[in-house]
Amino acid sequence: MEDGLRLANALACLPSAQREAIELHHLQELPLAEISQRMKRSKGAVAALIFRGTTRLKELLGTSEEL
């Protein structure tokens, strides 16, 4: 449970667009095309948000493991 709380706190530190993209992709398991439509951004922009957000989460959590 502690890991879940740490992840929730780290997610809260991200810019809203990065947080939304990560939640839609990793937690709701939506494909990039659907996230792109929901967020009204290109697939490349969504991929960049996910990459940058995931990189920041790793920094915040102090891990190099895959999230």
Protein backbone atom coordinates (compact mmCIF):
# COMPACT_ATOMS: atom_id res chain seq x y z
CA MET A 1 0.00 0.00 0.00
CA GLU A 2 2.86 2.33 0.74
CA ASP A 3 4.07 2.01 -2.87
CA GLY A 4 0.62 2.97 -4.13
CA LEU A 5 0.63 6.07 -1.94
CA ARG A 6 4.12 7.03 -3.12
CA LEU A 7 3.02 6.64 -6.75
CA ALA A 8 -0.15 8.69 -6.16
CA ASN A 9 1.90 11.46 -4.53
CA ALA A 10 4.42 11.42 -7.37
CA LEU A 11 1.63 11.53 -9.99
CA ALA A 12 0.19 14.57 -8.21
CA CYS A 13 3.51 16.39 -8.75
CA LEU A 14 3.33 16.05 -12.55
CA PRO A 15 1.84 18.66 -14.86
CA SER A 16 -1.82 17.81 -15.51
CA ALA A 17 -1.32 16.81 -19.17
CA GLN A 18 1.47 14.36 -18.29
CA ARG A 19 -0.55 12.93 -15.42
CA GLU A 20 -3.64 12.50 -17.60
CA ALA A 21 -1.70 10.81 -20.41
CA ILE A 22 0.01 8.40 -17.99
CA GLU A 23 -3.22 7.56 -16.20
CA LEU A 24 -5.05 6.90 -19.46
CA HIS A 25 -2.22 4.82 -20.93
CA HIS A 26 -0.86 2.88 -17.97
CA LEU A 27 -3.82 2.70 -15.58
CA GLN A 28 -6.73 2.54 -18.01
CA GLU A 29 -4.63 0.78 -20.68
CA LEU A 30 -5.94 2.90 -23.55
CA PRO A 31 -4.04 2.97 -26.86
CA LEU A 32 -2.27 6.13 -27.96
CA ALA A 33 -4.81 6.76 -30.72
CA GLU A 34 -7.70 6.91 -28.24
CA ILE A 35 -5.74 9.05 -25.78
CA SER A 36 -4.87 11.37 -28.66
CA GLN A 37 -8.55 11.83 -29.49
CA ARG A 38 -9.55 12.38 -25.86
CA MET A 39 -6.79 14.90 -25.23
CA LYS A 40 -7.10 16.54 -28.67
CA ARG A 41 -3.37 16.13 -29.32
CA SER A 42 -1.35 14.23 -31.88
CA LYS A 43 -0.18 10.70 -31.08
CA GLY A 44 3.40 12.00 -31.06
CA ALA A 45 2.51 14.68 -28.51
CA VAL A 46 0.80 12.09 -26.30
CA ALA A 47 3.81 9.76 -26.57
CA ALA A 48 6.08 12.65 -25.55
CA LEU A 49 3.86 13.46 -22.55
CA ILE A 50 3.98 9.83 -21.43
CA PHE A 51 7.75 9.62 -21.89
CA ARG A 52 8.45 12.89 -20.04
CA GLY A 53 5.99 12.04 -17.28
CA THR A 54 7.40 8.56 -16.81
CA THR A 55 10.93 9.95 -16.71
CA ARG A 56 9.89 12.47 -14.05
CA LEU A 57 8.10 9.78 -12.02
CA LYS A 58 11.27 7.70 -11.98
CA GLU A 59 13.18 10.73 -10.68
CA LEU A 60 10.58 11.43 -8.01
CA LEU A 61 10.42 7.82 -6.91
CA GLY A 62 14.17 7.34 -7.07
CA THR A 63 14.03 4.29 -9.30
CA SER A 64 15.31 3.20 -12.67
CA GLU A 65 12.79 0.35 -12.85
CA GLU A 66 10.06 0.28 -15.46
CA LEU A 67 6.81 1.74 -14.16
